[in-house]
Amino acid sequence: MTDRLGHKQTAAMLTLMVLGREVPNPELQERVGFTLTGKDRTQLNDTGYVASAKVGRTFVHQLTDSGWAWCEAEMQEQTPPPPRPQSVLCSALYLVLGGLSGFLRQEKLRPADVFGVEADVEPEPESEDLEGRIRIAYRELVREPRGWVGLVDLRPKLGAPADEVDAVLKELSRTGQAHLVPEDNRKVLNAADHEAAIRIGGEDNHLLSIEAL
């Protein structure tokens, strides 16, 4: 039987298994309604099941080899759900996991063969990939065509170092595909807004608009 983890830690492990890649906290919040922080994160880091790193102002998480092994063992048919409190849905989930585990063994497959597919796909050049993620994040945040989005809201959705994001935004601005402007009302800015700003031409810019989606 695997080491027993709490419900939230177990949910985080299974989510990271299914996504099969680095996952930033904002994406965890969007997909499953919680982030991996505090003791839950540090304990999973200490056990060696999850590797976490600070990217910009958010943490990104990924299963280690030990984490994949834990998930594989957790899926076994004889493994009960985590300790109480349990829900009917939790019990049903473990029944599904056990059935999936039996199928994988029959097909001589490992969970990483199914859920880690993204890791085997040849990645696009980083700058092109990041530009696409910026456009997707902008589209999710904007309320109207060519509307303005705060960089403080955009950056956490990207899971990329600030300098790499800055380089792509500056190139989009240089080519006229995007516009970066300062916030007119400086009184509404807080420390996070200032940290997220991008400096161009000696001026801090806080808002982004993209011409073509």
C-alpha atoms as a PDB file:
ATOM      1  CA  MET A   1       0.000   0.000   0.000  1.00  0.00           C
ATOM      2  CA  THR A   2       1.220   3.525  -0.742  1.00  0.00           C
ATOM      3  CA  ASP A   3       2.022   6.186   1.822  1.00  0.00           C
ATOM      4  CA  ARG A   4      -1.335   7.656   2.765  1.00  0.00           C
ATOM      5  CA  LEU A   5      -1.674  11.315   1.853  1.00  0.00           C
ATOM      6  CA  GLY A   6      -4.396  13.777   2.715  1.00  0.00           C
ATOM      7  CA  HIS A   7      -7.311  14.381   0.362  1.00  0.00           C
ATOM      8  CA  LYS A   8      -5.902  17.620  -1.064  1.00  0.00           C
ATOM      9  CA  GLN A   9      -2.423  16.157  -1.505  1.00  0.00           C
ATOM     10  CA  THR A  10      -3.873  13.069  -3.184  1.00  0.00           C
ATOM     11  CA  ALA A  11      -5.987  15.254  -5.480  1.00  0.00           C
ATOM     12  CA  ALA A  12      -2.895  17.299  -6.373  1.00  0.00           C
ATOM     13  CA  MET A  13      -0.868  14.164  -7.139  1.00  0.00           C
ATOM     14  CA  LEU A  14      -3.560  12.683  -9.379  1.00  0.00           C
ATOM     15  CA  THR A  15      -4.084  16.006 -11.151  1.00  0.00           C
ATOM     16  CA  LEU A  16      -0.356  16.330 -11.861  1.00  0.00           C
ATOM     17  CA  MET A  17      -0.361  12.758 -13.120  1.00  0.00           C
ATOM     18  CA  VAL A  18      -3.220  13.370 -15.554  1.00  0.00           C
ATOM     19  CA  LEU A  19      -1.707  16.627 -16.865  1.00  0.00           C
ATOM     20  CA  GLY A  20       1.726  15.003 -17.136  1.00  0.00           C
ATOM     21  CA  ARG A  21       3.783  18.222 -17.135  1.00  0.00           C
ATOM     22  CA  GLU A  22       4.709  21.289 -15.102  1.00  0.00           C
ATOM     23  CA  VAL A  23       1.539  22.931 -13.810  1.00  0.00           C
ATOM     24  CA  PRO A  24       1.431  26.462 -12.318  1.00  0.00           C
ATOM     25  CA  ASN A  25      -0.782  27.197  -9.325  1.00  0.00           C
ATOM     26  CA  PRO A  26      -3.173  29.418 -11.345  1.00  0.00           C
ATOM     27  CA  GLU A  27      -3.890  26.497 -13.669  1.00  0.00           C
ATOM     28  CA  LEU A  28      -4.512  24.187 -10.722  1.00  0.00           C
ATOM     29  CA  GLN A  29      -6.973  26.738  -9.353  1.00  0.00           C
ATOM     30  CA  GLU A  30      -8.720  26.966 -12.703  1.00  0.00           C
ATOM     31  CA  ARG A  31      -8.908  23.216 -13.321  1.00  0.00           C
ATOM     32  CA  VAL A  32      -9.558  21.709  -9.890  1.00  0.00           C
ATOM     33  CA  GLY A  33     -10.389  24.654  -7.638  1.00  0.00           C
ATOM     34  CA  PHE A  34      -7.316  24.741  -5.390  1.00  0.00           C
ATOM     35  CA  THR A  35      -3.613  25.545  -5.395  1.00  0.00           C
ATOM     36  CA  LEU A  36      -0.731  23.542  -3.957  1.00  0.00           C
ATOM     37  CA  THR A  37       0.698  25.721  -1.199  1.00  0.00           C
ATOM     38  CA  GLY A  38       1.853  25.705   2.412  1.00  0.00           C
ATOM     39  CA  LYS A  39       2.333  22.416   4.242  1.00  0.00           C
ATOM     40  CA  ASP A  40       0.652  20.435   1.476  1.00  0.00           C
ATOM     41  CA  ARG A  41       3.326  21.601  -0.967  1.00  0.00           C
ATOM     42  CA  THR A  42       6.318  21.331   1.356  1.00  0.00           C
ATOM     43  CA  GLN A  43       5.358  17.834   2.496  1.00  0.00           C
ATOM     44  CA  LEU A  44       5.041  16.612  -1.085  1.00  0.00           C
ATOM     45  CA  ASN A  45       8.387  18.251  -1.859  1.00  0.00           C
ATOM     46  CA  ASP A  46       9.981  16.636   1.213  1.00  0.00           C
ATOM     47  CA  THR A  47       8.708  13.166   0.281  1.00  0.00           C
ATOM     48  CA  GLY A  48      10.259  13.623  -3.164  1.00  0.00           C
ATOM     49  CA  TYR A  49       6.941  13.071  -4.937  1.00  0.00           C
ATOM     50  CA  VAL A  50       6.604  16.591  -6.368  1.00  0.00           C
ATOM     51  CA  ALA A  51       9.204  19.083  -7.594  1.00  0.00           C
ATOM     52  CA  SER A  52       8.109  22.711  -7.169  1.00  0.00           C
ATOM     53  CA  ALA A  53       9.823  25.865  -8.390  1.00  0.00           C
ATOM     54  CA  LYS A  54       9.048  29.563  -8.119  1.00  0.00           C
ATOM     55  CA  VAL A  55       8.479  31.057 -11.578  1.00  0.00           C
ATOM     56  CA  GLY A  56       7.808  34.765 -11.396  1.00  0.00           C
ATOM     57  CA  ARG A  57       5.391  35.150  -8.506  1.00  0.00           C
ATOM     58  CA  THR A  58       3.826  31.703  -8.618  1.00  0.00           C
ATOM     59  CA  PHE A  59       4.861  28.100  -8.008  1.00  0.00           C
ATOM     60  CA  VAL A  60       4.858  25.459 -10.732  1.00  0.00           C
ATOM     61  CA  HIS A  61       4.719  21.769  -9.856  1.00  0.00           C
ATOM     62  CA  GLN A  62       5.582  18.498 -11.578  1.00  0.00           C
ATOM     63  CA  LEU A  63       5.643  14.857 -10.516  1.00  0.00           C
ATOM     64  CA  THR A  64       9.036  13.284  -9.957  1.00  0.00           C
ATOM     65  CA  ASP A  65       9.785   9.677 -10.863  1.00  0.00           C
ATOM     66  CA  SER A  66       8.896   8.777  -7.266  1.00  0.00           C
ATOM     67  CA  GLY A  67       5.651  10.701  -7.677  1.00  0.00           C
ATOM     68  CA  TRP A  68       4.741   8.720 -10.795  1.00  0.00           C
ATOM     69  CA  ALA A  69       5.500   5.497  -8.899  1.00  0.00           C
ATOM     70  CA  TRP A  70       3.253   6.626  -6.020  1.00  0.00           C
ATOM     71  CA  CYS A  71       0.389   7.361  -8.406  1.00  0.00           C
ATOM     72  CA  GLU A  72       0.779   3.992 -10.103  1.00  0.00           C
ATOM     73  CA  ALA A  73       0.630   2.219  -6.752  1.00  0.00           C
ATOM     74  CA  GLU A  74      -2.278   4.394  -5.586  1.00  0.00           C
ATOM     75  CA  MET A  75      -4.312   3.264  -8.608  1.00  0.00           C
ATOM     76  CA  GLN A  76      -4.126  -0.417  -7.665  1.00  0.00           C
ATOM     77  CA  GLU A  77      -7.496  -2.075  -7.162  1.00  0.00           C
ATOM     78  CA  GLN A  78      -6.788  -2.985  -3.539  1.00  0.00           C
ATOM     79  CA  THR A  79      -5.952   0.591  -2.530  1.00  0.00           C
ATOM     80  CA  PRO A  80      -8.711   2.205  -0.442  1.00  0.00           C
ATOM     81  CA  PRO A  81      -9.529   5.923  -0.706  1.00  0.00           C
ATOM     82  CA  PRO A  82      -7.675   8.304   1.621  1.00  0.00           C
ATOM     83  CA  PRO A  83      -8.792   8.319   5.277  1.00  0.00           C
ATOM     84  CA  ARG A  84     -12.062   9.975   6.240  1.00  0.00           C
ATOM     85  CA  PRO A  85     -13.824  12.223   5.531  1.00  0.00           C
ATOM     86  CA  GLN A  86     -14.755  10.399   2.347  1.00  0.00           C
ATOM     87  CA  SER A  87     -17.487  11.077  -0.170  1.00  0.00           C
ATOM     88  CA  VAL A  88     -19.410   8.719  -2.414  1.00  0.00           C
ATOM     89  CA  LEU A  89     -17.642  10.364  -5.356  1.00  0.00           C
ATOM     90  CA  CYS A  90     -14.232   9.660  -3.784  1.00  0.00           C
ATOM     91  CA  SER A  91     -15.076   5.965  -3.407  1.00  0.00           C
ATOM     92  CA  ALA A  92     -16.309   5.820  -6.991  1.00  0.00           C
ATOM     93  CA  LEU A  93     -13.134   7.523  -8.215  1.00  0.00           C
ATOM     94  CA  TYR A  94     -10.965   4.841  -6.627  1.00  0.00           C
ATOM     95  CA  LEU A  95     -13.114   2.160  -8.214  1.00  0.00           C
ATOM     96  CA  VAL A  96     -12.471   3.800 -11.606  1.00  0.00           C
ATOM     97  CA  LEU A  97      -8.746   4.108 -10.877  1.00  0.00           C
ATOM     98  CA  GLY A  98      -8.557   0.436  -9.980  1.00  0.00           C
ATOM     99  CA  GLY A  99     -10.269  -0.534 -13.230  1.00  0.00           C
ATOM    100  CA  LEU A 100      -7.930   1.709 -15.219  1.00  0.00           C
ATOM    101  CA  SER A 101      -4.931   0.212 -13.424  1.00  0.00           C
ATOM    102  CA  GLY A 102      -6.065  -3.296 -14.379  1.00  0.00           C
ATOM    103  CA  PHE A 103      -6.389  -2.275 -18.028  1.00  0.00           C
ATOM    104  CA  LEU A 104      -2.922  -0.691 -18.040  1.00  0.00           C
ATOM    105  CA  ARG A 105      -1.368  -3.844 -16.587  1.00  0.00           C
ATOM    106  CA  GLN A 106      -3.157  -5.942 -19.192  1.00  0.00           C
ATOM    107  CA  GLU A 107      -1.804  -3.735 -21.974  1.00  0.00           C
ATOM    108  CA  LYS A 108       1.642  -3.607 -20.338  1.00  0.00           C
ATOM    109  CA  LEU A 109       1.424   0.179 -20.019  1.00  0.00           C
ATOM    110  CA  ARG A 110       2.410   2.569 -17.254  1.00  0.00           C
ATOM    111  CA  PRO A 111       0.472   5.716 -16.258  1.00  0.00           C
ATOM    112  CA  ALA A 112       3.241   7.846 -17.770  1.00  0.00           C
ATOM    113  CA  ASP A 113       2.616   6.153 -21.130  1.00  0.00           C
ATOM    114  CA  VAL A 114      -0.933   7.511 -21.086  1.00  0.00           C
ATOM    115  CA  PHE A 115      -0.794  10.775 -19.158  1.00  0.00           C
ATOM    116  CA  GLY A 116       2.763  11.873 -19.917  1.00  0.00           C
ATOM    117  CA  VAL A 117       2.188  12.128 -23.664  1.00  0.00           C
ATOM    118  CA  GLU A 118       2.877  15.872 -23.746  1.00  0.00           C
ATOM    119  CA  ALA A 119       6.430  15.256 -22.556  1.00  0.00           C
ATOM    120  CA  ASP A 120       7.115  13.114 -25.648  1.00  0.00           C
ATOM    121  CA  VAL A 121       5.904  15.704 -28.149  1.00  0.00           C
ATOM    122  CA  GLU A 122       8.640  17.811 -29.682  1.00  0.00           C
ATOM    123  CA  PRO A 123       8.071  21.306 -28.251  1.00  0.00           C
ATOM    124  CA  GLU A 124       7.677  24.381 -30.369  1.00  0.00           C
ATOM    125  CA  PRO A 125      10.394  27.027 -30.116  1.00  0.00           C
ATOM    126  CA  GLU A 126      10.035  28.618 -26.698  1.00  0.00           C
ATOM    127  CA  SER A 127       9.374  32.137 -27.966  1.00  0.00           C
ATOM    128  CA  GLU A 128       6.589  30.961 -30.293  1.00  0.00           C
ATOM    129  CA  ASP A 129       5.093  28.776 -27.566  1.00  0.00           C
ATOM    130  CA  LEU A 130       5.160  31.622 -25.046  1.00  0.00           C
ATOM    131  CA  GLU A 131       3.610  34.049 -27.518  1.00  0.00           C
ATOM    132  CA  GLY A 132       0.763  31.595 -28.021  1.00  0.00           C
ATOM    133  CA  ARG A 133       0.264  31.282 -24.269  1.00  0.00           C
ATOM    134  CA  ILE A 134       0.216  35.076 -23.959  1.00  0.00           C
ATOM    135  CA  ARG A 135      -2.457  35.322 -26.639  1.00  0.00           C
ATOM    136  CA  ILE A 136      -4.546  32.590 -24.992  1.00  0.00           C
ATOM    137  CA  ALA A 137      -4.258  34.208 -21.553  1.00  0.00           C
ATOM    138  CA  TYR A 138      -5.135  37.611 -23.009  1.00  0.00           C
ATOM    139  CA  ARG A 139      -8.209  36.169 -24.723  1.00  0.00           C
ATOM    140  CA  GLU A 140      -9.344  34.596 -21.440  1.00  0.00           C
ATOM    141  CA  LEU A 141      -8.999  37.894 -19.562  1.00  0.00           C
ATOM    142  CA  VAL A 142     -10.143  40.517 -22.066  1.00  0.00           C
ATOM    143  CA  ARG A 143     -13.773  41.672 -21.994  1.00  0.00           C
ATOM    144  CA  GLU A 144     -13.985  43.253 -25.430  1.00  0.00           C
ATOM    145  CA  PRO A 145     -11.975  43.188 -28.682  1.00  0.00           C
ATOM    146  CA  ARG A 146      -8.657  45.021 -28.267  1.00  0.00           C
ATOM    147  CA  GLY A 147      -9.559  45.676 -24.634  1.00  0.00           C
ATOM    148  CA  TRP A 148      -6.956  46.358 -21.968  1.00  0.00           C
ATOM    149  CA  VAL A 149      -5.668  43.643 -19.632  1.00  0.00           C
ATOM    150  CA  GLY A 150      -3.460  44.241 -16.615  1.00  0.00           C
ATOM    151  CA  LEU A 151      -0.046  42.596 -16.718  1.00  0.00           C
ATOM    152  CA  VAL A 152      -0.556  41.771 -13.053  1.00  0.00           C
ATOM    153  CA  ASP A 153      -3.436  39.484 -14.126  1.00  0.00           C
ATOM    154  CA  LEU A 154      -1.708  38.132 -17.225  1.00  0.00           C
ATOM    155  CA  ARG A 155       1.647  37.011 -15.819  1.00  0.00           C
ATOM    156  CA  PRO A 156       0.372  34.379 -13.317  1.00  0.00           C
ATOM    157  CA  LYS A 157      -1.424  32.533 -16.119  1.00  0.00           C
ATOM    158  CA  LEU A 158       1.775  32.059 -18.134  1.00  0.00           C
ATOM    159  CA  GLY A 159       4.063  30.155 -15.763  1.00  0.00           C
ATOM    160  CA  ALA A 160       7.144  31.655 -17.430  1.00  0.00           C
ATOM    161  CA  PRO A 161      10.086  33.748 -16.157  1.00  0.00           C
ATOM    162  CA  ALA A 162       9.417  37.483 -16.200  1.00  0.00           C
ATOM    163  CA  ASP A 163      12.361  38.258 -18.485  1.00  0.00           C
ATOM    164  CA  GLU A 164      11.127  35.794 -21.121  1.00  0.00           C
ATOM    165  CA  VAL A 165       7.620  37.255 -20.983  1.00  0.00           C
ATOM    166  CA  ASP A 166       9.082  40.765 -21.246  1.00  0.00           C
ATOM    167  CA  ALA A 167      11.073  39.829 -24.337  1.00  0.00           C
ATOM    168  CA  VAL A 168       7.995  38.475 -26.141  1.00  0.00           C
ATOM    169  CA  LEU A 169       5.824  41.441 -25.127  1.00  0.00           C
ATOM    170  CA  LYS A 170       8.451  43.911 -26.306  1.00  0.00           C
ATOM    171  CA  GLU A 171       8.673  42.147 -29.665  1.00  0.00           C
ATOM    172  CA  LEU A 172       4.880  42.163 -30.040  1.00  0.00           C
ATOM    173  CA  SER A 173       4.905  45.875 -29.206  1.00  0.00           C
ATOM    174  CA  ARG A 174       7.761  46.592 -31.626  1.00  0.00           C
ATOM    175  CA  THR A 175       5.933  44.882 -34.489  1.00  0.00           C
ATOM    176  CA  GLY A 176       2.632  46.618 -33.729  1.00  0.00           C
ATOM    177  CA  GLN A 177       0.818  43.407 -32.788  1.00  0.00           C
ATOM    178  CA  ALA A 178       0.311  44.606 -29.234  1.00  0.00           C
ATOM    179  CA  HIS A 179       0.186  47.864 -27.314  1.00  0.00           C
ATOM    180  CA  LEU A 180       1.586  48.470 -23.837  1.00  0.00           C
ATOM    181  CA  VAL A 181       0.604  51.584 -21.870  1.00  0.00           C
ATOM    182  CA  PRO A 182       0.912  52.899 -18.315  1.00  0.00           C
ATOM    183  CA  GLU A 183      -2.064  52.999 -15.963  1.00  0.00           C
ATOM    184  CA  ASP A 184      -3.385  56.565 -16.022  1.00  0.00           C
ATOM    185  CA  ASN A 185      -4.596  56.490 -12.437  1.00  0.00           C
ATOM    186  CA  ARG A 186      -1.424  55.707 -10.502  1.00  0.00           C
ATOM    187  CA  LYS A 187      -3.355  55.779  -7.215  1.00  0.00           C
ATOM    188  CA  VAL A 188      -4.984  52.424  -8.015  1.00  0.00           C
ATOM    189  CA  LEU A 189      -1.622  50.675  -8.454  1.00  0.00           C
ATOM    190  CA  ASN A 190      -0.276  48.445  -5.705  1.00  0.00           C
ATOM    191  CA  ALA A 191       3.042  46.661  -5.199  1.00  0.00           C
ATOM    192  CA  ALA A 192       1.955  43.721  -7.398  1.00  0.00           C
ATOM    193  CA  ASP A 193       1.065  46.091 -10.258  1.00  0.00           C
ATOM    194  CA  HIS A 194       4.464  47.760 -10.051  1.00  0.00           C
ATOM    195  CA  GLU A 195       6.254  44.393  -9.967  1.00  0.00           C
ATOM    196  CA  ALA A 196       4.316  43.152 -13.006  1.00  0.00           C
ATOM    197  CA  ALA A 197       4.971  46.290 -15.080  1.00  0.00           C
ATOM    198  CA  ILE A 198       7.241  46.211 -18.104  1.00  0.00           C
ATOM    199  CA  ARG A 199       9.617  49.116 -18.683  1.00  0.00           C
ATOM    200  CA  ILE A 200       9.848  50.460 -22.232  1.00  0.00           C
ATOM    201  CA  GLY A 201      11.369  53.787 -23.213  1.00  0.00           C
ATOM    202  CA  GLY A 202      12.026  54.721 -19.601  1.00  0.00           C
ATOM    203  CA  GLU A 203       8.366  54.275 -18.647  1.00  0.00           C
ATOM    204  CA  ASP A 204       6.579  51.534 -16.682  1.00  0.00           C
ATOM    205  CA  ASN A 205       3.686  50.008 -18.600  1.00  0.00           C
ATOM    206  CA  HIS A 206       0.917  48.154 -16.785  1.00  0.00           C
ATOM    207  CA  LEU A 207      -1.725  47.399 -19.432  1.00  0.00           C
ATOM    208  CA  LEU A 208      -1.726  45.251 -22.575  1.00  0.00           C
ATOM    209  CA  SER A 209      -3.929  45.253 -25.673  1.00  0.00           C
ATOM    210  CA  ILE A 210      -3.425  42.779 -28.533  1.00  0.00           C
ATOM    211  CA  GLU A 211      -4.537  43.736 -32.032  1.00  0.00           C
ATOM    212  CA  ALA A 212      -5.356  40.397 -33.618  1.00  0.00           C
ATOM    213  CA  LEU A 213      -6.469  37.267 -31.812  1.00  0.00           C
END
